[in-house]
Amino acid sequence: MLHEQQNKDVVRAYVEAMNAGDFDRLEGLFAKDTNIHGVLGRGSLDIAMPIWRELHGALAMHLEIEELAADGDTVVARFRETGRSGAEFRGLRATGRTYEIIAIEWFTIRNGLITDRWGVRDSAAQARQIGWQA
């Protein structure tokens, strides 16, 4: 039980660092050989980090934990993700519009570090709310 609570605390620290745009702290939460799985595919932290910086800068992405569950080395989080389109993102124009979606992320944590992270979000709803898609 204590082990699972510590793993949940790692995910809470991930959310705090992501929301603050503290990418040095965020990077320190991951194992060097971590695998990041997300909307744009799979890759290392070196591939994911620039995308996360862009999300934070262009969309002011903010995560709020709605539910957190742990089983051994696995932690699953359901987030309320909000943001505002304030700058171009991957060739899509800034619209100034806000969005709110559900996001789910699944983490494997070993020795206090995230070794794998899977992320799914309703990107279609996000695009409609922001005005990138009818």
N, C-alpha and C. Protein backbone atom coordinates (compact mmCIF):
# COMPACT_ATOMS: atom_id res chain seq x y z
N MET A 1 0.83 -1.20 0.00
CA MET A 1 0.00 0.00 0.00
C MET A 1 0.88 1.26 0.00
N LEU A 2 1.92 1.28 0.82
CA LEU A 2 2.82 2.43 0.86
C LEU A 2 3.49 2.62 -0.49
N HIS A 3 3.92 1.50 -1.10
CA HIS A 3 4.55 1.54 -2.42
C HIS A 3 3.61 2.18 -3.45
N GLU A 4 2.36 1.80 -3.42
CA GLU A 4 1.38 2.37 -4.36
C GLU A 4 1.15 3.84 -4.09
N GLN A 5 1.14 4.25 -2.83
CA GLN A 5 0.97 5.66 -2.49
C GLN A 5 2.16 6.47 -3.00
N GLN A 6 3.36 5.93 -2.87
CA GLN A 6 4.55 6.61 -3.37
C GLN A 6 4.49 6.75 -4.90
N ASN A 7 3.99 5.73 -5.58
CA ASN A 7 3.85 5.80 -7.04
C ASN A 7 2.81 6.84 -7.43
N LYS A 8 1.72 6.94 -6.68
CA LYS A 8 0.74 8.00 -6.94
C LYS A 8 1.37 9.37 -6.74
N ASP A 9 2.23 9.49 -5.74
CA ASP A 9 2.90 10.77 -5.50
C ASP A 9 3.80 11.18 -6.67
N VAL A 10 4.41 10.20 -7.34
CA VAL A 10 5.21 10.49 -8.54
C VAL A 10 4.32 11.08 -9.62
N VAL A 11 3.13 10.52 -9.80
CA VAL A 11 2.20 11.04 -10.81
C VAL A 11 1.72 12.43 -10.41
N ARG A 12 1.46 12.65 -9.13
CA ARG A 12 1.08 14.00 -8.69
C ARG A 12 2.20 15.00 -8.98
N ALA A 13 3.44 14.60 -8.77
CA ALA A 13 4.58 15.48 -9.06
C ALA A 13 4.68 15.74 -10.57
N TYR A 14 4.38 14.74 -11.38
CA TYR A 14 4.35 14.90 -12.84
C TYR A 14 3.32 15.96 -13.23
N VAL A 15 2.14 15.89 -12.65
CA VAL A 15 1.08 16.86 -12.95
C VAL A 15 1.51 18.26 -12.52
N GLU A 16 2.05 18.38 -11.33
CA GLU A 16 2.50 19.69 -10.83
C GLU A 16 3.56 20.28 -11.75
N ALA A 17 4.53 19.48 -12.15
CA ALA A 17 5.61 19.97 -13.02
C ALA A 17 5.07 20.32 -14.40
N MET A 18 4.19 19.48 -14.94
CA MET A 18 3.61 19.76 -16.26
C MET A 18 2.83 21.07 -16.22
N ASN A 19 1.99 21.23 -15.20
CA ASN A 19 1.17 22.45 -15.10
C ASN A 19 2.01 23.70 -14.92
N ALA A 20 3.12 23.58 -14.22
CA ALA A 20 3.99 24.73 -13.96
C ALA A 20 4.93 25.02 -15.13
N GLY A 21 4.99 24.10 -16.08
CA GLY A 21 5.96 24.26 -17.16
C GLY A 21 7.38 24.09 -16.66
N ASP A 22 7.55 23.31 -15.58
CA ASP A 22 8.86 23.06 -14.99
C ASP A 22 9.43 21.80 -15.64
N PHE A 23 9.99 21.96 -16.82
CA PHE A 23 10.41 20.82 -17.61
C PHE A 23 11.67 20.15 -17.08
N ASP A 24 12.50 20.86 -16.33
CA ASP A 24 13.65 20.23 -15.68
C ASP A 24 13.16 19.26 -14.61
N ARG A 25 12.21 19.71 -13.80
CA ARG A 25 11.64 18.83 -12.77
C ARG A 25 10.92 17.66 -13.42
N LEU A 26 10.18 17.93 -14.49
CA LEU A 26 9.45 16.88 -15.20
C LEU A 26 10.42 15.81 -15.71
N GLU A 27 11.48 16.25 -16.33
CA GLU A 27 12.47 15.31 -16.86
C GLU A 27 13.05 14.42 -15.77
N GLY A 28 13.24 14.98 -14.58
CA GLY A 28 13.80 14.24 -13.45
C GLY A 28 12.90 13.15 -12.92
N LEU A 29 11.64 13.13 -13.33
CA LEU A 29 10.69 12.11 -12.86
C LEU A 29 10.71 10.86 -13.72
N PHE A 30 11.45 10.90 -14.83
CA PHE A 30 11.46 9.80 -15.78
C PHE A 30 12.79 9.06 -15.76
N ALA A 31 12.74 7.75 -15.96
CA ALA A 31 13.94 6.94 -16.14
C ALA A 31 14.58 7.34 -17.47
N LYS A 32 15.86 7.17 -17.58
CA LYS A 32 16.58 7.57 -18.80
C LYS A 32 16.09 6.82 -20.04
N ASP A 33 15.66 5.56 -19.87
CA ASP A 33 15.22 4.75 -21.01
C ASP A 33 13.69 4.63 -21.09
N THR A 34 13.00 5.64 -20.60
CA THR A 34 11.54 5.62 -20.59
C THR A 34 10.95 5.57 -22.00
N ASN A 35 9.75 5.03 -22.09
CA ASN A 35 8.99 5.01 -23.35
C ASN A 35 7.74 5.84 -23.15
N ILE A 36 7.53 6.79 -24.04
CA ILE A 36 6.35 7.65 -24.00
C ILE A 36 5.46 7.26 -25.17
N HIS A 37 4.21 6.90 -24.88
CA HIS A 37 3.24 6.52 -25.89
C HIS A 37 2.13 7.56 -25.85
N GLY A 38 1.80 8.16 -27.00
CA GLY A 38 0.78 9.19 -27.00
C GLY A 38 0.10 9.35 -28.34
N VAL A 39 -0.62 10.43 -28.46
CA VAL A 39 -1.40 10.72 -29.66
C VAL A 39 -0.52 10.73 -30.91
N LEU A 40 0.70 11.21 -30.78
CA LEU A 40 1.58 11.34 -31.94
C LEU A 40 2.49 10.13 -32.16
N GLY A 41 2.32 9.09 -31.35
CA GLY A 41 3.13 7.88 -31.52
C GLY A 41 3.90 7.54 -30.26
N ARG A 42 5.03 6.84 -30.44
CA ARG A 42 5.85 6.39 -29.32
C ARG A 42 7.27 6.87 -29.51
N GLY A 43 7.91 7.21 -28.39
CA GLY A 43 9.29 7.63 -28.47
C GLY A 43 9.90 7.82 -27.10
N SER A 44 11.11 8.31 -27.12
CA SER A 44 11.85 8.57 -25.89
C SER A 44 11.42 9.90 -25.29
N LEU A 45 11.93 10.18 -24.14
CA LEU A 45 11.67 11.46 -23.49
C LEU A 45 12.21 12.61 -24.34
N ASP A 46 13.30 12.38 -25.06
CA ASP A 46 13.86 13.41 -25.94
C ASP A 46 12.89 13.79 -27.05
N ILE A 47 12.05 12.87 -27.46
CA ILE A 47 11.04 13.15 -28.48
C ILE A 47 9.81 13.82 -27.86
N ALA A 48 9.40 13.33 -26.69
CA ALA A 48 8.19 13.84 -26.04
C ALA A 48 8.36 15.24 -25.46
N MET A 49 9.50 15.52 -24.89
CA MET A 49 9.69 16.79 -24.18
C MET A 49 9.43 18.02 -25.06
N PRO A 50 9.94 18.10 -26.29
CA PRO A 50 9.63 19.27 -27.12
C PRO A 50 8.14 19.40 -27.42
N ILE A 51 7.45 18.27 -27.57
CA ILE A 51 6.00 18.31 -27.81
C ILE A 51 5.29 18.85 -26.57
N TRP A 52 5.70 18.40 -25.40
CA TRP A 52 5.09 18.89 -24.15
C TRP A 52 5.35 20.38 -23.96
N ARG A 53 6.55 20.82 -24.29
CA ARG A 53 6.85 22.26 -24.20
C ARG A 53 5.93 23.05 -25.14
N GLU A 54 5.75 22.52 -26.34
CA GLU A 54 4.90 23.17 -27.33
C GLU A 54 3.45 23.20 -26.85
N LEU A 55 2.95 22.08 -26.30
CA LEU A 55 1.59 22.03 -25.76
C LEU A 55 1.40 23.08 -24.67
N HIS A 56 2.36 23.16 -23.79
CA HIS A 56 2.27 24.10 -22.68
C HIS A 56 2.30 25.54 -23.19
N GLY A 57 3.20 25.82 -24.12
CA GLY A 57 3.34 27.17 -24.63
C GLY A 57 2.21 27.62 -25.53
N ALA A 58 1.74 26.73 -26.40
CA ALA A 58 0.72 27.11 -27.38
C ALA A 58 -0.69 26.99 -26.84
N LEU A 59 -0.91 26.01 -25.97
CA LEU A 59 -2.28 25.74 -25.52
C LEU A 59 -2.50 25.97 -24.03
N ALA A 60 -1.48 26.40 -23.32
CA ALA A 60 -1.61 26.62 -21.87
C ALA A 60 -2.29 25.43 -21.20
N MET A 61 -1.88 24.22 -21.62
CA MET A 61 -2.48 22.99 -21.11
C MET A 61 -2.36 22.90 -19.60
N HIS A 62 -3.46 22.51 -18.95
CA HIS A 62 -3.51 22.35 -17.50
C HIS A 62 -4.23 21.05 -17.19
N LEU A 63 -3.61 20.22 -16.34
CA LEU A 63 -4.20 18.94 -15.95
C LEU A 63 -4.72 19.03 -14.52
N GLU A 64 -5.92 18.50 -14.31
CA GLU A 64 -6.50 18.39 -12.97
C GLU A 64 -6.84 16.92 -12.76
N ILE A 65 -6.28 16.33 -11.71
CA ILE A 65 -6.54 14.92 -11.43
C ILE A 65 -7.98 14.77 -10.96
N GLU A 66 -8.73 13.93 -11.67
CA GLU A 66 -10.10 13.61 -11.25
C GLU A 66 -10.13 12.26 -10.54
N GLU A 67 -9.25 11.36 -10.96
CA GLU A 67 -9.19 10.05 -10.32
C GLU A 67 -7.80 9.47 -10.52
N LEU A 68 -7.32 8.79 -9.49
CA LEU A 68 -5.99 8.20 -9.51
C LEU A 68 -6.11 6.82 -8.89
N ALA A 69 -5.63 5.79 -9.60
CA ALA A 69 -5.69 4.42 -9.10
C ALA A 69 -4.32 3.78 -9.28
N ALA A 70 -3.93 2.97 -8.31
CA ALA A 70 -2.63 2.31 -8.37
C ALA A 70 -2.78 0.82 -8.07
N ASP A 71 -1.97 0.03 -8.77
CA ASP A 71 -1.87 -1.40 -8.54
C ASP A 71 -0.42 -1.77 -8.76
N GLY A 72 0.31 -1.94 -7.69
CA GLY A 72 1.73 -2.24 -7.79
C GLY A 72 2.49 -1.10 -8.44
N ASP A 73 3.18 -1.42 -9.55
CA ASP A 73 3.98 -0.42 -10.26
C ASP A 73 3.18 0.38 -11.28
N THR A 74 1.88 0.14 -11.35
CA THR A 74 1.03 0.80 -12.34
C THR A 74 0.15 1.85 -11.67
N VAL A 75 0.11 3.04 -12.26
CA VAL A 75 -0.78 4.11 -11.81
C VAL A 75 -1.55 4.60 -13.03
N VAL A 76 -2.85 4.74 -12.87
CA VAL A 76 -3.71 5.26 -13.92
C VAL A 76 -4.35 6.54 -13.42
N ALA A 77 -4.33 7.56 -14.27
CA ALA A 77 -4.90 8.86 -13.90
C ALA A 77 -5.93 9.27 -14.95
N ARG A 78 -7.06 9.76 -14.45
CA ARG A 78 -8.06 10.39 -15.33
C ARG A 78 -8.01 11.86 -15.01
N PHE A 79 -7.77 12.67 -16.05
CA PHE A 79 -7.61 14.10 -15.89
C PHE A 79 -8.74 14.87 -16.55
N ARG A 80 -8.99 16.04 -16.03
CA ARG A 80 -9.72 17.09 -16.73
C ARG A 80 -8.63 17.97 -17.29
N GLU A 81 -8.52 18.02 -18.62
CA GLU A 81 -7.50 18.83 -19.26
C GLU A 81 -8.16 20.07 -19.84
N THR A 82 -7.61 21.22 -19.51
CA THR A 82 -8.13 22.47 -20.02
C THR A 82 -6.99 23.27 -20.63
N GLY A 83 -7.36 24.25 -21.43
CA GLY A 83 -6.35 25.12 -22.01
C GLY A 83 -6.98 26.17 -22.90
N ARG A 84 -6.10 26.98 -23.49
CA ARG A 84 -6.52 28.05 -24.40
C ARG A 84 -5.51 28.12 -25.53
N SER A 85 -6.02 28.22 -26.73
CA SER A 85 -5.17 28.32 -27.92
C SER A 85 -4.62 29.75 -28.00
N GLY A 86 -3.36 29.91 -27.59
CA GLY A 86 -2.78 31.23 -27.56
C GLY A 86 -1.65 31.45 -28.54
N ALA A 87 -1.20 30.37 -29.18
CA ALA A 87 -0.11 30.45 -30.15
C ALA A 87 -0.27 29.31 -31.14
N GLU A 88 0.37 29.43 -32.29
CA GLU A 88 0.31 28.37 -33.29
C GLU A 88 0.80 27.06 -32.68
N PHE A 89 0.14 25.96 -33.04
CA PHE A 89 0.54 24.64 -32.56
C PHE A 89 0.61 23.70 -33.75
N ARG A 90 1.81 23.26 -34.10
CA ARG A 90 2.03 22.30 -35.18
C ARG A 90 1.34 22.73 -36.48
N GLY A 91 1.47 24.01 -36.79
CA GLY A 91 0.91 24.54 -38.03
C GLY A 91 -0.54 24.97 -37.94
N LEU A 92 -1.16 24.77 -36.80
CA LEU A 92 -2.56 25.18 -36.61
C LEU A 92 -2.59 26.55 -35.94
N ARG A 93 -3.37 27.45 -36.49
CA ARG A 93 -3.40 28.84 -36.02
C ARG A 93 -3.95 28.95 -34.60
N ALA A 94 -3.52 29.97 -33.91
CA ALA A 94 -4.07 30.30 -32.59
C ALA A 94 -5.45 30.91 -32.79
N THR A 95 -6.39 30.51 -31.93
CA THR A 95 -7.75 31.02 -32.06
C THR A 95 -8.21 31.79 -30.82
N GLY A 96 -7.47 31.67 -29.74
CA GLY A 96 -7.89 32.32 -28.49
C GLY A 96 -8.99 31.57 -27.77
N ARG A 97 -9.47 30.47 -28.37
CA ARG A 97 -10.58 29.72 -27.77
C ARG A 97 -10.07 28.72 -26.74
N THR A 98 -10.94 28.41 -25.80
CA THR A 98 -10.60 27.46 -24.74
C THR A 98 -11.11 26.07 -25.08
N TYR A 99 -10.57 25.09 -24.35
CA TYR A 99 -11.05 23.72 -24.49
C TYR A 99 -11.05 23.04 -23.13
N GLU A 100 -11.86 22.00 -23.04
CA GLU A 100 -11.90 21.13 -21.86
C GLU A 100 -12.20 19.73 -22.34
N ILE A 101 -11.31 18.80 -22.02
CA ILE A 101 -11.47 17.41 -22.43
C ILE A 101 -11.09 16.47 -21.29
N ILE A 102 -11.39 15.21 -21.49
CA ILE A 102 -10.93 14.15 -20.58
C ILE A 102 -9.66 13.57 -21.17
N ALA A 103 -8.68 13.34 -20.32
CA ALA A 103 -7.44 12.68 -20.73
C ALA A 103 -7.17 11.55 -19.74
N ILE A 104 -6.61 10.47 -20.22
CA ILE A 104 -6.25 9.35 -19.37
C ILE A 104 -4.79 9.03 -19.63
N GLU A 105 -4.05 8.86 -18.57
CA GLU A 105 -2.64 8.49 -18.70
C GLU A 105 -2.36 7.31 -17.79
N TRP A 106 -1.57 6.40 -18.30
CA TRP A 106 -1.22 5.15 -17.63
C TRP A 106 0.29 5.15 -17.45
N PHE A 107 0.75 4.94 -16.24
CA PHE A 107 2.18 5.02 -15.93
C PHE A 107 2.68 3.69 -15.36
N THR A 108 3.90 3.32 -15.70
CA THR A 108 4.62 2.29 -14.99
C THR A 108 5.75 3.01 -14.25
N ILE A 109 5.84 2.72 -12.95
CA ILE A 109 6.82 3.41 -12.11
C ILE A 109 7.67 2.36 -11.40
N ARG A 110 8.97 2.50 -11.54
CA ARG A 110 9.91 1.59 -10.87
C ARG A 110 10.99 2.44 -10.19
N ASN A 111 11.26 2.10 -8.95
CA ASN A 111 12.29 2.81 -8.18
C ASN A 111 12.06 4.32 -8.18
N GLY A 112 10.78 4.72 -8.11
CA GLY A 112 10.44 6.14 -8.01
C GLY A 112 10.51 6.92 -9.30
N LEU A 113 10.73 6.24 -10.43
CA LEU A 113 10.82 6.92 -11.73
C LEU A 113 9.82 6.32 -12.71
N ILE A 114 9.30 7.15 -13.59
CA ILE A 114 8.37 6.70 -14.62
C ILE A 114 9.17 6.01 -15.72
N THR A 115 8.83 4.75 -15.98
CA THR A 115 9.54 4.00 -17.03
C THR A 115 8.72 3.91 -18.31
N ASP A 116 7.41 3.99 -18.19
CA ASP A 116 6.52 4.00 -19.34
C ASP A 116 5.35 4.92 -19.05
N ARG A 117 4.88 5.62 -20.08
CA ARG A 117 3.71 6.49 -19.94
C ARG A 117 2.91 6.42 -21.23
N TRP A 118 1.64 6.06 -21.10
CA TRP A 118 0.71 6.03 -22.21
C TRP A 118 -0.30 7.14 -22.00
N GLY A 119 -0.60 7.89 -23.02
CA GLY A 119 -1.57 8.98 -22.90
C GLY A 119 -2.61 8.91 -23.99
N VAL A 120 -3.88 9.05 -23.60
CA VAL A 120 -4.97 9.14 -24.56
C VAL A 120 -5.83 10.32 -24.19
N ARG A 121 -6.27 11.06 -25.20
CA ARG A 121 -7.13 12.21 -24.98
C ARG A 121 -8.05 12.37 -26.16
N ASP A 122 -9.12 13.06 -25.94
CA ASP A 122 -10.11 13.28 -26.99
C ASP A 122 -9.66 14.45 -27.85
N SER A 123 -8.71 14.18 -28.74
CA SER A 123 -8.13 15.23 -29.58
C SER A 123 -9.15 15.82 -30.55
N ALA A 124 -10.12 15.02 -30.98
CA ALA A 124 -11.15 15.53 -31.89
C ALA A 124 -12.01 16.59 -31.19
N ALA A 125 -12.39 16.32 -29.95
CA ALA A 125 -13.18 17.31 -29.18
C ALA A 125 -12.35 18.55 -28.92
N GLN A 126 -11.07 18.37 -28.64
CA GLN A 126 -10.18 19.51 -28.43
C GLN A 126 -10.13 20.37 -29.69
N ALA A 127 -9.95 19.76 -30.85
CA ALA A 127 -9.86 20.49 -32.11
C ALA A 127 -11.16 21.23 -32.42
N ARG A 128 -12.31 20.61 -32.16
CA ARG A 128 -13.59 21.28 -32.38
C ARG A 128 -13.75 22.49 -31.47
N GLN A 129 -13.43 22.33 -30.19
CA GLN A 129 -13.59 23.42 -29.23
C GLN A 129 -12.67 24.60 -29.54
N ILE A 130 -11.45 24.29 -29.97
CA ILE A 130 -10.48 25.34 -30.28
C ILE A 130 -10.82 26.04 -31.60
N GLY A 131 -11.51 25.31 -32.48
CA GLY A 131 -11.87 25.90 -33.77
C GLY A 131 -10.97 25.46 -34.90
N TRP A 132 -10.26 24.36 -34.71
CA TRP A 132 -9.40 23.82 -35.74
C TRP A 132 -10.15 22.90 -36.68
N GLN A 133 -11.37 22.54 -36.31
CA GLN A 133 -12.14 21.57 -37.08
C GLN A 133 -13.63 21.87 -36.85
N ALA A 134 -14.43 21.70 -37.88
CA ALA A 134 -15.88 21.97 -37.78
C ALA A 134 -16.59 20.86 -37.04
